[in-house]
Amino acid sequence: MAERPNHRRDYDRHSTDGRIVLEDLELIERVKAGNTESFGRLVEKYQDRVFNACWRICGHLEDARDITQDAFLKAFENISLFRQCSGFYTWVFRIAVNMSLSHCRKAKTRRAVSIDQRYEGVGGQAEELVKRIQDVSVPDPAEGTSDSELRGRAAGALQSLDSDQRAVVVLRDIEGLNYAEIAEVLQIPPGTVKSRVHRARMALRSALSPALDEKRE
């Protein structure tokens, strides 16, 4: 399992990509027929992305690793229940995100992540998050939002949200899922997703406004 979350890969971004869906379905049919190596290919394909979401939601590196492993194990054990109503990555995301949220609710006071662990590898993702919550375009990504201090504040502000708001921001602004996909993962109405994203972005904007004001001066 990956040690650190990576940026999402373009090839597995959307379940609506027919080629990707077909490849996944073929692998799943092989798994159902007893070919466990095919499930290993699914794990390799999606583990970084699932791990990244878990890490952002629960805020603890080791816990995220455990949750990711448990999510794929649960998916493997329940592969016979997969009915092809959604992409495999949406299905396994649902399992992993729900596990992450459950973990957060059971450990609200736990924040045992070191500063280095929390901020390592968040560069591009934090920059994108800052752009989203500023609600403005940034002409030059190398200016303003690219410094480590602002990235660190963005990552810290994300962790300050409640787990439900943090989940929708991670899925929307970091993982790039659309509202319908997030609704499917979280099993809530799309309207609820939109309102949570809006409230979360407003909270992040408020938390980051001093830093953003400094960068404009």
Protein backbone atom coordinates (compact mmCIF):
# COMPACT_ATOMS: atom_id res chain seq x y z
CA MET A 1 0.00 0.00 0.00
CA ALA A 2 1.28 3.45 -0.87
CA GLU A 3 3.05 5.37 1.86
CA ARG A 4 1.81 8.79 0.71
CA PRO A 5 -1.19 9.94 -1.30
CA ASN A 6 -0.51 10.76 -4.94
CA HIS A 7 -2.32 13.09 -7.30
CA ARG A 8 -5.25 11.42 -8.98
CA ARG A 9 -4.57 9.82 -12.36
CA ASP A 10 -6.46 10.93 -15.43
CA TYR A 11 -7.14 7.43 -16.68
CA ASP A 12 -9.33 6.40 -13.76
CA ARG A 13 -11.07 9.70 -13.04
CA HIS A 14 -14.56 9.06 -14.37
CA SER A 15 -16.77 5.99 -14.19
CA THR A 16 -18.45 7.27 -17.36
CA ASP A 17 -15.33 6.35 -19.38
CA GLY A 18 -16.68 3.28 -21.17
CA ARG A 19 -13.27 1.74 -21.72
CA ILE A 20 -12.37 1.96 -18.05
CA VAL A 21 -15.74 0.60 -16.94
CA LEU A 22 -15.44 -2.32 -19.36
CA GLU A 23 -11.93 -3.14 -18.16
CA ASP A 24 -13.10 -3.05 -14.53
CA LEU A 25 -16.13 -5.23 -15.23
CA GLU A 26 -13.96 -7.80 -16.98
CA LEU A 27 -11.61 -7.87 -14.00
CA ILE A 28 -14.53 -8.20 -11.59
CA GLU A 29 -15.98 -11.13 -13.54
CA ARG A 30 -12.61 -12.84 -13.34
CA VAL A 31 -12.51 -12.24 -9.58
CA LYS A 32 -15.98 -13.72 -9.21
CA ALA A 33 -14.73 -16.74 -11.16
CA GLY A 34 -11.93 -17.21 -8.63
CA ASN A 35 -9.06 -15.28 -10.19
CA THR A 36 -7.73 -13.30 -7.22
CA GLU A 37 -4.89 -11.79 -9.27
CA SER A 38 -7.50 -9.74 -11.15
CA PHE A 39 -8.55 -8.13 -7.89
CA GLY A 40 -4.92 -7.23 -7.30
CA ARG A 41 -5.01 -5.29 -10.56
CA LEU A 42 -8.04 -3.35 -9.31
CA VAL A 43 -6.22 -2.58 -6.08
CA GLU A 44 -3.16 -1.33 -7.97
CA LYS A 45 -5.38 0.81 -10.16
CA TYR A 46 -7.28 2.59 -7.40
CA GLN A 47 -5.35 2.24 -4.13
CA ASP A 48 -3.54 5.59 -4.36
CA ARG A 49 -6.73 7.48 -4.98
CA VAL A 50 -8.67 5.69 -2.24
CA PHE A 51 -5.79 6.12 0.19
CA ASN A 52 -5.57 9.81 -0.63
CA ALA A 53 -9.27 10.34 0.15
CA CYS A 54 -9.04 8.36 3.39
CA TRP A 55 -5.97 10.31 4.49
CA ARG A 56 -7.59 13.66 3.79
CA ILE A 57 -10.79 12.70 5.61
CA CYS A 58 -9.39 11.03 8.72
CA GLY A 59 -6.21 13.14 8.93
CA HIS A 60 -4.02 10.33 10.21
CA LEU A 61 -1.52 8.53 8.00
CA GLU A 62 -1.45 5.12 9.67
CA ASP A 63 -5.22 5.06 10.13
CA ALA A 64 -5.70 5.93 6.47
CA ARG A 65 -3.45 3.06 5.45
CA ASP A 66 -5.44 0.64 7.64
CA ILE A 67 -8.79 1.95 6.39
CA THR A 68 -7.69 1.61 2.77
CA GLN A 69 -6.58 -1.97 3.29
CA ASP A 70 -9.80 -2.80 5.14
CA ALA A 71 -11.90 -1.18 2.43
CA PHE A 72 -10.34 -3.26 -0.33
CA LEU A 73 -10.59 -6.39 1.81
CA LYS A 74 -14.29 -5.71 2.38
CA ALA A 75 -14.76 -5.08 -1.34
CA PHE A 76 -13.06 -8.40 -2.12
CA GLU A 77 -15.13 -10.29 0.44
CA ASN A 78 -18.33 -8.76 -0.96
CA ILE A 79 -17.47 -8.79 -4.66
CA SER A 80 -20.44 -11.05 -5.33
CA LEU A 81 -22.70 -8.18 -4.23
CA PHE A 82 -21.33 -5.82 -6.89
CA ARG A 83 -24.20 -5.32 -9.32
CA GLN A 84 -22.54 -3.03 -11.89
CA CYS A 85 -24.92 -0.17 -11.06
CA SER A 86 -21.88 2.08 -10.61
CA GLY A 87 -18.20 2.03 -11.44
CA PHE A 88 -15.98 -0.13 -9.26
CA TYR A 89 -14.07 2.90 -8.02
CA THR A 90 -17.34 4.54 -6.89
CA TRP A 91 -18.28 1.35 -5.08
CA VAL A 92 -14.96 0.96 -3.29
CA PHE A 93 -14.89 4.72 -2.59
CA ARG A 94 -18.25 4.39 -0.87
CA ILE A 95 -16.85 1.65 1.36
CA ALA A 96 -13.64 3.55 2.15
CA VAL A 97 -15.26 6.95 2.73
CA ASN A 98 -17.90 5.48 5.02
CA MET A 99 -15.16 3.70 6.98
CA SER A 100 -13.24 6.97 7.22
CA LEU A 101 -16.26 8.90 8.44
CA SER A 102 -17.04 6.19 10.97
CA HIS A 103 -13.46 6.36 12.19
CA CYS A 104 -13.71 10.15 12.56
CA ARG A 105 -16.86 9.89 14.63
CA LYS A 106 -15.23 7.36 16.93
CA ALA A 107 -12.04 9.37 17.35
CA LYS A 108 -13.04 13.03 17.22
CA THR A 109 -10.29 14.16 19.55
CA ARG A 110 -7.47 12.24 17.92
CA ARG A 111 -5.08 14.43 15.95
CA ALA A 112 -1.80 12.52 16.15
CA VAL A 113 -0.37 13.59 12.80
CA SER A 114 2.95 15.38 12.74
CA ILE A 115 3.19 18.64 10.81
CA ASP A 116 5.53 17.05 8.26
CA GLN A 117 3.20 14.10 7.68
CA ARG A 118 0.17 16.33 7.36
CA TYR A 119 1.60 18.66 4.75
CA GLU A 120 3.96 16.43 2.78
CA GLY A 121 2.76 15.90 -0.75
CA VAL A 122 -0.21 18.27 -0.61
CA GLY A 123 1.29 20.92 -2.92
CA GLY A 124 -0.82 20.74 -6.06
CA GLN A 125 -3.91 19.60 -4.22
CA ALA A 126 -3.71 22.42 -1.69
CA GLU A 127 -3.16 24.95 -4.47
CA GLU A 128 -6.26 23.71 -6.25
CA LEU A 129 -8.20 23.85 -2.99
CA VAL A 130 -7.10 27.43 -2.40
CA LYS A 131 -8.22 28.41 -5.91
CA ARG A 132 -11.61 26.84 -5.33
CA ILE A 133 -12.29 28.61 -2.07
CA GLN A 134 -10.97 31.96 -3.31
CA ASP A 135 -13.57 31.73 -6.06
CA VAL A 136 -11.14 33.52 -8.37
CA SER A 137 -8.73 32.36 -11.05
CA VAL A 138 -5.03 32.51 -10.29
CA PRO A 139 -3.12 33.57 -13.43
CA ASP A 140 0.22 32.15 -12.38
CA PRO A 141 0.23 29.03 -10.15
CA ALA A 142 3.83 29.80 -9.26
CA GLU A 143 2.72 32.98 -7.54
CA GLY A 144 0.72 33.50 -4.37
CA THR A 145 -0.74 30.11 -3.66
CA SER A 146 2.34 27.96 -4.29
CA ASP A 147 4.33 28.66 -1.13
CA SER A 148 4.53 26.02 1.54
CA GLU A 149 3.05 28.23 4.26
CA LEU A 150 -0.22 28.74 2.43
CA ARG A 151 -0.36 25.09 1.41
CA GLY A 152 0.10 24.15 5.04
CA ARG A 153 -2.64 26.51 6.16
CA ALA A 154 -4.98 25.09 3.53
CA ALA A 155 -4.30 21.54 4.71
CA GLY A 156 -4.77 22.60 8.34
CA ALA A 157 -8.00 24.43 7.53
CA LEU A 158 -9.30 21.32 5.80
CA GLN A 159 -8.70 19.30 8.96
CA SER A 160 -10.59 21.91 11.00
CA LEU A 161 -13.85 21.12 9.19
CA ASP A 162 -16.28 18.58 10.59
CA SER A 163 -15.93 15.17 8.97
CA ASP A 164 -19.02 15.44 6.76
CA GLN A 165 -17.91 18.77 5.28
CA ARG A 166 -14.35 17.55 4.93
CA ALA A 167 -15.54 14.50 3.01
CA VAL A 168 -17.42 16.49 0.37
CA VAL A 169 -14.51 18.91 -0.11
CA VAL A 170 -12.07 16.03 -0.51
CA LEU A 171 -14.32 14.26 -3.01
CA ARG A 172 -15.22 17.41 -4.96
CA ASP A 173 -12.22 19.73 -4.84
CA ILE A 174 -9.36 17.26 -4.46
CA GLU A 175 -10.59 14.04 -6.07
CA GLY A 176 -12.68 15.79 -8.73
CA LEU A 177 -15.90 13.80 -8.42
CA ASN A 178 -19.04 15.50 -9.69
CA TYR A 179 -22.07 16.09 -7.46
CA ALA A 180 -23.91 13.00 -8.69
CA GLU A 181 -20.90 10.78 -8.00
CA ILE A 182 -20.46 12.26 -4.52
CA ALA A 183 -24.14 11.73 -3.80
CA GLU A 184 -23.75 8.11 -4.83
CA VAL A 185 -20.64 7.61 -2.70
CA LEU A 186 -22.14 9.25 0.39
CA GLN A 187 -25.69 8.07 -0.35
CA ILE A 188 -27.20 11.50 0.18
CA PRO A 189 -29.21 13.74 -2.21
CA PRO A 190 -27.20 15.85 -4.70
CA GLY A 191 -28.77 18.98 -3.18
CA THR A 192 -27.32 18.05 0.19
CA VAL A 193 -23.92 17.57 -1.44
CA LYS A 194 -24.09 21.04 -2.99
CA SER A 195 -25.07 22.72 0.27
CA ARG A 196 -22.32 20.93 2.20
CA VAL A 197 -19.72 21.89 -0.39
CA HIS A 198 -20.86 25.51 -0.25
CA ARG A 199 -20.76 25.65 3.55
CA ALA A 200 -17.38 23.90 3.66
CA ARG A 201 -15.86 26.28 1.11
CA MET A 202 -17.18 29.28 3.03
CA ALA A 203 -15.64 27.92 6.25
CA LEU A 204 -12.33 27.32 4.50
CA ARG A 205 -12.41 30.77 2.94
CA SER A 206 -13.00 32.32 6.35
CA ALA A 207 -10.14 30.31 7.88
CA LEU A 208 -7.75 31.26 5.09
CA SER A 209 -8.82 34.87 4.54
CA PRO A 210 -5.99 36.38 6.64
CA ALA A 211 -3.38 34.41 4.70
CA LEU A 212 -5.00 35.22 1.36
CA ASP A 213 -5.14 38.91 2.28
CA GLU A 214 -1.44 38.81 3.09
CA LYS A 215 -0.66 37.33 -0.31
CA ARG A 216 -2.60 40.10 -2.07
CA GLU A 217 -0.69 42.86 -0.28
